[in-house]
Amino acid sequence: MLTAGRSGQAEPISYLLAGAFVALAFGAELILNSIVGNVVRLGSFYPAVLASALLGVAPGVFALAASLLLAWYALLPPSFSFALNNAEEVWELALFTISAALIIVVASAYRKAQAGRAAASQLFKAIQDISMEGVVIYRPLRDDAGAVADFEYRYANPAAIRFMSRSDPKRVVGGRLLERLPLARDNPNLFPRYLKVLETGETSEAEYELGGRWFCSNVARLEDGLVVTVRDVSAQHYSDEIQKLLAQELHHRVKNMLATVISMTNFTARSSSSAVELKDKLLGRFEAMARAHELLVANSWTDALVGEVVRGTLEPHLQSNAHRFDITGPDVPVEPETALALNMALHELATNAIKYGALSAPDGQVIIEWRSDPERPSLVHLIWSEAGGPFVGRPSSKGFGTRLLEKAFAGQEGSGVRLNFAREGVHCEIIFMAKFARPAMSVGAPQASQMDPPAPLPAPAELGLGSQGV
């Protein structure tokens, strides 16, 4: 349909068409007058005015004026003159003018209504084209007994068609639900639910799984059919599941941390001779745990590199005595539990070295190196070697550090500790699993490892820091 231009004025072609309509009406009027006479004088001009008014108000007025002048000058006697012989001709022209004006008013109202509907249709189409929510309109198909046998697609927006991954977009509208998706007949969230909404008129909302994805849909009756909206909520559903797993994981970690703190406090209390000593030992161990937790939080509790754990644990000593440490090793990721155990073990070794070992002497050195086992890459060997300190003797009893080293890596298959009190300094080898070598675990419930059987460890007498330890 030709409409007004951007400025609100009618296009020039609209006036040309209006003139053509009037010329055709004039020719028709001449032909009718020659055949049947002036039975319905000026009647041929009404369609011309109507057709012109549908192009716009201005073309309609132009057609009315042209028709009026042409009929007055050429059709009413005397011909080719604007003179009027009697009042009947005046009334005839006045009646034509009033009738044509009413036609223009009605045509203009119709034209505006049509334009509004077209704009609304374009807006609806634009919204549906970008909508992430699928919209489908169904028409029920009934059998000879009047029962609903299937539903026919009357409309489906692009989002709905995307959900129908195996459907040809050009063949969706006009297709049938049960032909496209036979399992919908017995799915309580599909065909049976649609029947219930169609019969009762009650809107229904449901969330269901279909084809490995989760959907949330609303169904409502629309006149003699149904309108169904569908949203893919798979991401939200899986996010909720992850949140549940994270809550379980948090519960598991908090319980483990509290158990560690309680055990640490009990053992430290037994080996402390005064409240001041107890406070100092606990503060040191709690600070070591805090540094390990900061490292894991920075990595979102996914893993930590051995080098990061070593340097993070020894940070207070490296700040003032970095020249007394030789730390080397490749980037090897470990699980959070392994990182915490390694952190506590290194803290106990460092504390013992400061009090009784290499770091208690001016020229003492600590060498820390780690590597993967060449025969079993699933395992990592970290070696702590002290030199340049006082002579070391075998302890007479086990302290907290000994018990911690024995238990920290006991729960990991293939892991363990070898501790040797050589005269030149303490030598400790810690064996643990790298992350990439560990099997998957469910939250809060570690599974049995599929790794090789553990290597034999030294006899218990070789393990542990004695009464000299903390």
Protein backbone atom coordinates (compact mmCIF):
# COMPACT_ATOMS: atom_id res chain seq x y z
CA MET A 1 0.00 0.00 0.00
CA LEU A 2 1.27 3.47 -0.92
CA THR A 3 1.35 5.78 2.06
CA ALA A 4 2.55 9.19 3.08
CA GLY A 5 6.24 9.90 2.82
CA ARG A 6 8.65 10.50 5.71
CA SER A 7 7.60 14.12 6.02
CA GLY A 8 3.93 13.17 6.35
CA GLN A 9 3.11 14.39 2.78
CA ALA A 10 1.63 12.03 0.22
CA GLU A 11 3.95 10.70 -2.45
CA PRO A 12 3.55 12.34 -5.92
CA ILE A 13 2.64 8.96 -7.39
CA SER A 14 -0.40 8.88 -5.10
CA TYR A 15 -1.79 11.98 -6.82
CA LEU A 16 -1.05 10.49 -10.26
CA LEU A 17 -2.93 7.33 -9.30
CA ALA A 18 -5.82 9.39 -7.91
CA GLY A 19 -6.00 11.30 -11.21
CA ALA A 20 -5.97 8.01 -13.11
CA PHE A 21 -8.82 6.66 -10.96
CA VAL A 22 -10.87 9.81 -11.68
CA ALA A 23 -10.16 9.54 -15.41
CA LEU A 24 -11.30 5.92 -15.43
CA ALA A 25 -14.45 6.87 -13.50
CA PHE A 26 -15.16 9.66 -15.99
CA GLY A 27 -14.79 7.25 -18.90
CA ALA A 28 -17.06 4.74 -17.16
CA GLU A 29 -19.61 7.49 -16.55
CA LEU A 30 -19.64 8.42 -20.23
CA ILE A 31 -20.09 4.80 -21.27
CA LEU A 32 -22.91 4.21 -18.77
CA ASN A 33 -24.69 7.42 -19.83
CA SER A 34 -24.58 6.34 -23.45
CA ILE A 35 -26.02 2.92 -22.62
CA VAL A 36 -28.52 3.39 -19.79
CA GLY A 37 -28.73 7.14 -19.43
CA ASN A 38 -28.38 9.14 -16.24
CA VAL A 39 -29.83 6.48 -13.98
CA VAL A 40 -27.15 6.81 -11.29
CA ARG A 41 -25.44 10.07 -12.19
CA LEU A 42 -21.93 10.56 -10.70
CA GLY A 43 -22.02 7.01 -9.22
CA SER A 44 -18.87 5.94 -11.06
CA PHE A 45 -16.80 8.53 -9.17
CA TYR A 46 -17.38 6.98 -5.74
CA PRO A 47 -15.02 4.01 -6.32
CA ALA A 48 -12.39 6.47 -7.61
CA VAL A 49 -12.66 8.55 -4.44
CA LEU A 50 -12.52 5.42 -2.26
CA ALA A 51 -9.45 4.02 -4.04
CA SER A 52 -7.72 7.40 -3.80
CA ALA A 53 -8.61 7.81 -0.11
CA LEU A 54 -6.97 4.47 0.63
CA LEU A 55 -3.75 6.04 -0.61
CA GLY A 56 -4.11 8.89 1.86
CA VAL A 57 -6.40 11.73 2.88
CA ALA A 58 -4.81 14.23 0.48
CA PRO A 59 -5.15 11.98 -2.61
CA GLY A 60 -8.76 11.30 -1.57
CA VAL A 61 -9.54 15.03 -1.34
CA PHE A 62 -7.78 15.54 -4.67
CA ALA A 63 -9.95 12.83 -6.27
CA LEU A 64 -13.11 14.32 -4.72
CA ALA A 65 -12.30 17.80 -6.08
CA ALA A 66 -11.33 16.49 -9.53
CA SER A 67 -14.47 14.34 -9.75
CA LEU A 68 -16.67 17.22 -8.62
CA LEU A 69 -15.23 19.70 -11.12
CA LEU A 70 -15.18 17.18 -13.98
CA ALA A 71 -18.79 16.09 -13.39
CA TRP A 72 -19.98 19.69 -12.96
CA TYR A 73 -18.21 20.90 -16.13
CA ALA A 74 -18.63 17.95 -18.47
CA LEU A 75 -21.60 15.84 -17.32
CA LEU A 76 -24.24 18.17 -15.90
CA PRO A 77 -26.12 20.25 -18.47
CA PRO A 78 -25.24 22.55 -19.98
CA SER A 79 -22.12 20.57 -20.98
CA PHE A 80 -18.69 22.20 -20.77
CA SER A 81 -19.99 24.93 -18.52
CA PHE A 82 -20.11 25.57 -14.78
CA ALA A 83 -23.61 27.00 -15.02
CA LEU A 84 -26.40 25.24 -13.12
CA ASN A 85 -29.95 25.18 -14.53
CA ASN A 86 -31.87 24.23 -11.40
CA ALA A 87 -31.69 23.45 -7.67
CA GLU A 88 -31.78 19.72 -8.34
CA GLU A 89 -28.33 19.86 -9.88
CA VAL A 90 -27.04 21.86 -6.89
CA TRP A 91 -28.34 19.24 -4.48
CA GLU A 92 -26.91 16.48 -6.63
CA LEU A 93 -23.41 18.03 -6.43
CA ALA A 94 -23.82 18.72 -2.69
CA LEU A 95 -24.92 15.13 -2.03
CA PHE A 96 -21.93 13.81 -3.99
CA THR A 97 -19.55 16.06 -2.05
CA ILE A 98 -20.93 14.99 1.34
CA SER A 99 -20.99 11.29 0.41
CA ALA A 100 -17.46 11.39 -1.00
CA ALA A 101 -16.23 13.21 2.11
CA LEU A 102 -17.72 10.47 4.32
CA ILE A 103 -16.02 7.87 2.14
CA ILE A 104 -12.69 9.67 2.69
CA VAL A 105 -13.24 9.75 6.47
CA VAL A 106 -14.11 6.04 6.63
CA ALA A 107 -11.24 5.07 4.33
CA SER A 108 -8.81 7.14 6.41
CA ALA A 109 -9.93 5.43 9.64
CA TYR A 110 -9.60 2.02 7.97
CA ARG A 111 -6.17 2.93 6.64
CA LYS A 112 -4.95 4.00 10.09
CA ALA A 113 -6.30 0.81 11.64
CA GLN A 114 -4.56 -1.27 9.02
CA ALA A 115 -1.32 0.65 9.56
CA GLY A 116 -1.59 0.08 13.32
CA ARG A 117 -2.13 -3.63 12.83
CA ALA A 118 0.79 -3.80 10.40
CA ALA A 119 3.05 -1.96 12.88
CA ALA A 120 1.94 -4.25 15.70
CA SER A 121 2.58 -7.28 13.50
CA GLN A 122 6.06 -6.04 12.63
CA LEU A 123 6.80 -5.30 16.29
CA PHE A 124 5.57 -8.76 17.32
CA LYS A 125 7.71 -10.37 14.63
CA ALA A 126 10.79 -8.37 15.65
CA ILE A 127 10.33 -9.32 19.30
CA GLN A 128 9.75 -12.97 18.50
CA ASP A 129 12.76 -13.08 16.18
CA ILE A 130 15.14 -12.07 19.00
CA SER A 131 13.30 -13.73 21.88
CA MET A 132 15.09 -16.53 23.72
CA GLU A 133 11.73 -17.97 24.77
CA GLY A 134 9.99 -20.28 22.35
CA VAL A 135 6.34 -19.54 21.52
CA VAL A 136 4.10 -22.12 19.82
CA ILE A 137 0.40 -21.88 18.96
CA TYR A 138 -1.45 -25.16 18.49
CA ARG A 139 -4.80 -26.01 16.92
CA PRO A 140 -6.47 -29.21 18.16
CA LEU A 141 -7.23 -31.88 15.59
CA ARG A 142 -10.26 -33.96 16.51
CA ASP A 143 -11.33 -37.40 15.34
CA ASP A 144 -14.83 -38.43 14.24
CA ALA A 145 -15.89 -38.83 17.88
CA GLY A 146 -14.81 -35.27 18.72
CA ALA A 147 -11.81 -36.30 20.82
CA VAL A 148 -8.51 -34.51 20.35
CA ALA A 149 -6.22 -36.83 18.39
CA ASP A 150 -3.30 -34.47 17.86
CA PHE A 151 -2.25 -30.81 17.81
CA GLU A 152 -1.31 -28.90 14.67
CA TYR A 153 1.34 -26.17 14.67
CA ARG A 154 -0.23 -22.86 13.67
CA TYR A 155 2.77 -20.71 14.65
CA ALA A 156 6.28 -21.23 16.00
CA ASN A 157 8.78 -18.44 16.57
CA PRO A 158 12.51 -18.88 15.75
CA ALA A 159 13.41 -19.78 19.36
CA ALA A 160 10.84 -22.60 19.37
CA ILE A 161 12.15 -23.89 16.04
CA ARG A 162 15.69 -23.92 17.45
CA PHE A 163 14.46 -26.16 20.26
CA MET A 164 13.14 -28.53 17.58
CA SER A 165 16.68 -29.38 16.52
CA ARG A 166 15.63 -32.11 14.10
CA SER A 167 12.77 -30.25 12.46
CA ASP A 168 12.78 -28.42 9.13
CA PRO A 169 11.73 -24.81 9.93
CA LYS A 170 9.74 -24.63 6.69
CA ARG A 171 7.69 -27.70 7.63
CA VAL A 172 6.92 -26.93 11.27
CA VAL A 173 3.78 -24.84 10.73
CA GLY A 174 1.08 -27.22 9.54
CA GLY A 175 2.86 -30.21 11.04
CA ARG A 176 1.55 -32.32 13.91
CA LEU A 177 2.94 -32.64 17.41
CA LEU A 178 2.70 -36.43 17.75
CA GLU A 179 4.13 -37.00 14.29
CA ARG A 180 7.14 -34.88 15.11
CA LEU A 181 7.51 -36.06 18.71
CA PRO A 182 5.78 -39.43 19.28
CA LEU A 183 7.00 -39.68 22.90
CA ALA A 184 4.91 -36.59 23.73
CA ARG A 185 1.79 -38.78 23.93
CA ASP A 186 2.90 -40.50 27.14
CA ASN A 187 4.93 -37.64 28.61
CA PRO A 188 2.76 -36.12 31.38
CA ASN A 189 4.27 -32.68 30.72
CA LEU A 190 3.36 -32.64 27.03
CA PHE A 191 0.31 -34.10 25.27
CA PRO A 192 -1.70 -35.15 28.38
CA ARG A 193 -1.01 -31.74 29.95
CA TYR A 194 -2.08 -29.93 26.79
CA LEU A 195 -5.35 -31.86 26.78
CA LYS A 196 -6.05 -30.90 30.37
CA VAL A 197 -5.43 -27.20 29.73
CA LEU A 198 -7.63 -27.32 26.61
CA GLU A 199 -10.47 -28.94 28.58
CA THR A 200 -10.25 -26.93 31.81
CA GLY A 201 -8.87 -23.61 30.58
CA GLU A 202 -6.49 -23.49 33.55
CA THR A 203 -2.98 -22.23 32.81
CA SER A 204 -0.25 -24.74 33.58
CA GLU A 205 3.47 -24.31 34.34
CA ALA A 206 5.95 -27.19 34.49
CA GLU A 207 9.66 -27.96 34.33
CA TYR A 208 10.80 -31.17 32.67
CA GLU A 209 13.76 -32.93 31.08
CA LEU A 210 13.67 -33.87 27.42
CA GLY A 211 16.52 -35.06 25.27
CA GLY A 212 19.15 -34.26 27.87
CA ARG A 213 17.97 -30.66 28.30
CA TRP A 214 15.70 -29.03 30.88
CA PHE A 215 12.75 -26.87 29.85
CA CYS A 216 10.25 -24.67 31.67
CA SER A 217 6.97 -24.21 29.83
CA ASN A 218 3.66 -22.43 30.33
CA VAL A 219 0.48 -23.60 28.58
CA ALA A 220 -2.70 -21.53 28.24
CA ARG A 221 -5.88 -21.88 26.22
CA LEU A 222 -6.22 -19.42 23.33
CA GLU A 223 -9.74 -19.39 21.92
CA ASP A 224 -10.10 -22.88 20.41
CA GLY A 225 -6.38 -23.69 20.63
CA LEU A 226 -3.34 -23.46 22.89
CA VAL A 227 -0.40 -21.14 23.28
CA VAL A 228 2.75 -22.68 24.75
CA THR A 229 5.89 -20.81 25.86
CA VAL A 230 9.13 -22.73 26.38
CA ARG A 231 12.42 -21.69 27.97
CA ASP A 232 15.62 -23.72 28.01
CA VAL A 233 16.62 -23.72 31.70
CA SER A 234 19.38 -26.31 31.40
CA ALA A 235 22.07 -23.83 32.47
CA GLN A 236 20.03 -22.75 35.49
CA HIS A 237 19.23 -26.34 36.40
CA TYR A 238 22.86 -27.41 36.18
CA SER A 239 23.89 -24.28 38.10
CA ASP A 240 21.53 -25.28 40.92
CA GLU A 241 23.08 -28.75 40.93
CA ILE A 242 26.54 -27.23 41.09
CA GLN A 243 25.47 -25.02 43.98
CA LYS A 244 24.29 -28.10 45.85
CA LEU A 245 27.60 -29.84 45.18
CA LEU A 246 29.50 -26.75 46.28
CA ALA A 247 27.49 -26.63 49.51
CA GLN A 248 28.32 -30.28 50.14
CA GLU A 249 31.97 -29.61 49.32
CA LEU A 250 32.04 -26.63 51.69
CA HIS A 251 30.47 -28.72 54.44
CA HIS A 252 33.06 -31.44 53.83
CA ARG A 253 35.99 -29.01 53.87
CA VAL A 254 34.80 -27.17 56.99
CA LYS A 255 34.44 -30.47 58.84
CA ASN A 256 37.91 -31.50 57.77
CA MET A 257 39.41 -28.16 58.77
CA LEU A 258 37.74 -28.22 62.19
CA ALA A 259 38.90 -31.79 62.73
CA THR A 260 42.43 -30.73 61.80
CA VAL A 261 42.33 -27.76 64.19
CA ILE A 262 40.98 -29.90 67.05
CA SER A 263 43.59 -32.60 66.46
CA MET A 264 46.36 -30.04 66.14
CA THR A 265 45.31 -28.31 69.34
CA ASN A 266 45.15 -31.58 71.30
CA PHE A 267 48.59 -32.78 70.16
CA THR A 268 50.16 -29.35 70.65
CA ALA A 269 48.75 -29.12 74.16
CA ARG A 270 50.30 -32.47 75.09
CA SER A 271 53.76 -31.41 73.88
CA SER A 272 53.69 -27.89 75.36
CA SER A 273 55.11 -27.17 78.81
CA SER A 274 53.46 -23.76 79.28
CA ALA A 275 50.58 -21.66 78.04
CA VAL A 276 53.01 -19.33 76.24
CA GLU A 277 54.60 -22.22 74.39
CA LEU A 278 51.16 -23.57 73.48
CA LYS A 279 50.09 -20.17 72.16
CA ASP A 280 53.25 -19.70 70.06
CA LYS A 281 53.04 -23.17 68.52
CA LEU A 282 49.33 -22.87 67.71
CA LEU A 283 49.71 -19.40 66.20
CA GLY A 284 52.53 -20.61 63.94
CA ARG A 285 50.54 -23.60 62.77
CA PHE A 286 47.34 -21.62 62.27
CA GLU A 287 49.23 -19.00 60.25
CA ALA A 288 50.69 -21.74 58.05
CA MET A 289 47.19 -23.13 57.46
CA ALA A 290 45.91 -19.64 56.66
CA ARG A 291 48.60 -19.12 54.02
CA ALA A 292 47.73 -22.44 52.42
CA HIS A 293 44.04 -21.56 52.38
CA GLU A 294 44.79 -18.18 50.78
CA LEU A 295 46.70 -19.95 48.03
CA LEU A 296 43.84 -22.39 47.41
CA VAL A 297 41.21 -19.65 47.46
CA ALA A 298 43.23 -17.74 44.85
CA ASN A 299 42.97 -20.85 42.65
CA SER A 300 39.26 -21.34 43.45
CA TRP A 301 40.05 -24.53 45.41
CA THR A 302 40.83 -26.37 42.19
CA ASP A 303 44.51 -27.11 42.61
CA ALA A 304 47.87 -25.61 43.59
CA LEU A 305 51.39 -25.93 42.26
CA VAL A 306 53.97 -27.57 44.50
CA GLY A 307 56.29 -24.58 44.11
CA GLU A 308 53.54 -22.21 45.21
CA VAL A 309 52.85 -24.32 48.29
CA VAL A 310 56.53 -24.52 49.22
CA ARG A 311 57.20 -20.80 48.83
CA GLY A 312 53.90 -19.82 50.43
CA THR A 313 54.57 -21.97 53.50
CA LEU A 314 58.13 -20.74 53.90
CA GLU A 315 57.31 -17.11 53.12
CA PRO A 316 58.11 -15.80 56.65
CA HIS A 317 61.57 -17.44 56.48
CA LEU A 318 62.27 -16.48 52.86
CA GLN A 319 61.68 -12.82 53.62
CA SER A 320 64.69 -12.65 55.93
CA ASN A 321 66.79 -15.72 55.02
CA ALA A 322 66.14 -16.39 51.35
CA HIS A 323 69.85 -17.03 50.75
CA ARG A 324 69.71 -20.02 53.09
CA PHE A 325 67.13 -21.87 50.97
CA ASP A 326 67.69 -23.62 47.66
CA ILE A 327 64.26 -24.41 46.15
CA THR A 328 63.99 -26.15 42.76
CA GLY A 329 61.41 -28.27 40.97
CA PRO A 330 58.98 -28.34 38.01
CA ASP A 331 55.39 -27.03 37.98
CA VAL A 332 53.34 -29.92 39.33
CA PRO A 333 49.68 -29.42 40.30
CA VAL A 334 48.25 -31.16 43.37
CA GLU A 335 44.81 -31.51 44.88
CA PRO A 336 43.72 -29.05 47.62
CA GLU A 337 43.93 -31.78 50.29
CA THR A 338 47.49 -32.62 49.24
CA ALA A 339 48.44 -28.93 49.25
CA LEU A 340 47.18 -28.52 52.84
CA ALA A 341 48.99 -31.65 54.01
CA LEU A 342 52.21 -30.51 52.31
CA ASN A 343 51.83 -27.08 53.85
CA MET A 344 51.57 -28.45 57.39
CA ALA A 345 54.45 -30.88 56.85
CA LEU A 346 56.78 -28.15 55.54
CA HIS A 347 55.79 -25.85 58.39
CA GLU A 348 56.74 -28.51 60.96
CA LEU A 349 60.05 -29.20 59.19
CA ALA A 350 60.87 -25.48 59.03
CA THR A 351 59.97 -24.96 62.70
CA ASN A 352 62.13 -27.90 63.70
CA ALA A 353 65.03 -26.58 61.54
CA ILE A 354 64.83 -23.17 63.22
CA LYS A 355 64.84 -24.63 66.74
CA TYR A 356 67.17 -27.61 66.40
CA GLY A 357 68.39 -27.99 62.83
CA ALA A 358 70.21 -26.16 60.04
CA LEU A 359 68.41 -22.84 60.45
CA SER A 360 69.55 -22.63 64.08
CA ALA A 361 73.18 -22.25 62.91
CA PRO A 362 74.58 -19.17 61.11
CA ASP A 363 75.74 -21.11 58.04
CA GLY A 364 72.98 -23.70 57.89
CA GLN A 365 71.30 -24.42 54.55
CA VAL A 366 68.05 -26.08 53.51
CA ILE A 367 67.72 -27.67 50.07
CA ILE A 368 64.20 -28.42 48.83
CA GLU A 369 63.69 -30.16 45.50
CA TRP A 370 60.93 -32.21 43.96
CA ARG A 371 60.53 -34.34 40.86
CA SER A 372 58.19 -36.89 39.34
CA ASP A 373 58.98 -40.53 39.80
CA PRO A 374 60.55 -41.70 36.50
CA GLU A 375 58.95 -45.13 36.82
CA ARG A 376 55.63 -43.95 38.24
CA PRO A 377 54.87 -40.41 36.97
CA SER A 378 51.74 -40.44 39.12
CA LEU A 379 53.90 -39.85 42.19
CA VAL A 380 55.98 -36.81 43.17
CA HIS A 381 59.03 -37.02 45.44
CA LEU A 382 59.82 -33.89 47.49
CA ILE A 383 63.13 -33.98 49.36
CA TRP A 384 64.00 -31.73 52.30
CA SER A 385 67.75 -31.78 53.09
CA GLU A 386 69.52 -29.82 55.83
CA ALA A 387 73.25 -29.09 55.98
CA GLY A 388 75.60 -26.87 57.99
CA GLY A 389 73.69 -27.17 61.23
CA PRO A 390 74.43 -28.91 64.53
CA PHE A 391 74.78 -32.68 64.66
CA VAL A 392 71.42 -34.40 64.70
CA GLY A 393 70.54 -37.29 66.94
CA ARG A 394 67.70 -39.76 66.71
CA PRO A 395 64.77 -38.57 68.87
CA SER A 396 63.71 -40.60 71.85
CA SER A 397 59.98 -40.10 71.28
CA LYS A 398 57.49 -38.84 68.71
CA GLY A 399 56.22 -35.29 68.82
CA PHE A 400 53.36 -33.58 67.01
CA GLY A 401 55.44 -33.14 63.86
CA THR A 402 56.13 -36.84 63.64
CA ARG A 403 52.48 -37.77 64.01
CA LEU A 404 51.44 -35.12 61.48
CA LEU A 405 53.91 -36.41 58.88
CA GLU A 406 52.77 -39.99 59.45
CA LYS A 407 49.08 -39.17 59.07
CA ALA A 408 49.09 -36.30 56.56
CA PHE A 409 49.94 -38.52 53.59
CA ALA A 410 48.71 -41.86 54.87
CA GLY A 411 45.28 -41.49 53.23
CA GLN A 412 46.66 -41.13 49.72
CA GLU A 413 47.48 -44.32 47.88
CA GLY A 414 51.16 -44.60 47.09
CA SER A 415 52.04 -41.68 49.36
CA GLY A 416 54.22 -41.68 52.43
CA VAL A 417 57.19 -40.14 54.25
CA ARG A 418 60.81 -41.26 54.64
CA LEU A 419 62.61 -39.42 57.43
CA ASN A 420 66.30 -39.87 58.25
CA PHE A 421 68.23 -38.14 61.06
CA ALA A 422 71.71 -38.08 59.54
CA ARG A 423 74.54 -36.46 61.49
CA GLU A 424 74.91 -33.69 58.89
CA GLY A 425 71.20 -32.81 59.07
CA VAL A 426 67.63 -33.99 58.71
CA HIS A 427 66.74 -35.63 55.40
CA CYS A 428 63.02 -36.02 54.67
CA GLU A 429 61.43 -37.42 51.54
CA ILE A 430 57.68 -36.84 51.07
CA ILE A 431 55.90 -38.86 48.42
CA PHE A 432 52.46 -37.74 47.20
CA MET A 433 50.23 -37.89 44.14
CA ALA A 434 50.07 -35.25 41.41
CA LYS A 435 46.64 -34.02 40.47
CA PHE A 436 46.66 -35.20 36.87
CA ALA A 437 47.32 -38.73 38.06
CA ARG A 438 44.41 -38.94 40.48
CA PRO A 439 41.05 -40.43 39.51
CA ALA A 440 37.88 -38.34 39.63
CA MET A 441 36.22 -38.03 43.03
CA SER A 442 32.65 -37.27 43.99
CA VAL A 443 32.08 -34.39 46.34
CA GLY A 444 32.52 -35.37 49.94
CA ALA A 445 33.12 -39.04 49.14
CA PRO A 446 36.63 -39.89 47.89
CA GLN A 447 36.76 -43.02 45.78
CA ALA A 448 39.40 -45.72 45.81
CA SER A 449 42.36 -44.83 43.64
CA GLN A 450 43.09 -46.74 40.47
CA MET A 451 46.83 -46.08 40.77
CA ASP A 452 49.61 -48.64 41.04
CA PRO A 453 50.07 -50.31 44.45
CA PRO A 454 52.11 -48.22 46.89
CA ALA A 455 55.85 -48.69 47.13
CA PRO A 456 57.13 -50.14 50.41
CA LEU A 457 57.92 -47.53 53.04
CA PRO A 458 60.66 -47.60 55.69
CA ALA A 459 60.09 -49.18 59.04
CA PRO A 460 58.18 -47.11 61.59
CA ALA A 461 61.35 -46.53 63.61
CA GLU A 462 62.74 -44.41 60.77
CA LEU A 463 59.69 -42.14 60.70
CA GLY A 464 59.08 -39.05 62.73
CA LEU A 465 60.61 -36.14 64.55
CA GLY A 466 61.29 -36.94 68.18
CA SER A 467 61.10 -34.95 71.37
CA GLN A 468 63.36 -32.40 69.75
CA GLY A 469 60.51 -31.72 67.32
CA VAL A 470 57.41 -29.66 67.94
